[in-house]
């Protein structure tokens, strides 16, 4: 299985030209150390992932397809990548489906700060001293447990004090 590349690599796929232009603008500023790829289809993203080792995959939810076959093909080519889904939907059932295959779901349109946070998370993950076997095991997890809503509310109340 392929190791993470030395140079951070991001693949950003969205069918909307305006979103791609915005992503290019945001990502090219201050991230000259990143290898950035932009495309408008999941097929192109799969091809790009085959020729590089992405740290981050950003995909619009509309590219995932009904049966997620293409998405799974992409994730198999980039097993260590941080998977981010862009969602313009606020419907819980759609968001829940996205979270089953993604590490993060960002609202669309996205904010520059959200993108910066994702880049930093990818850098933090890459810097962890993990064996390739452990990285592979972690990347293959289908889901992570979520903290209950009650825990979040109690934590917020305690933070107020």
Foldseek 3Di string as FASTA:
>chain_A
DDAADPQAEEEEEAQDPVLQVVCCVLCVPPPPSYHYHYYHALVVLLVVLQVHAHQAYEEELVRCDDVSPSVVSNCVSHLLHQYEYEYCDPDPVSVVVVQQAHVYYAYPVHDSVVVVVNVVVSVVVSPDPDDPVVSNVVSPDRHDDDDDPVVVVVVVVVVVD
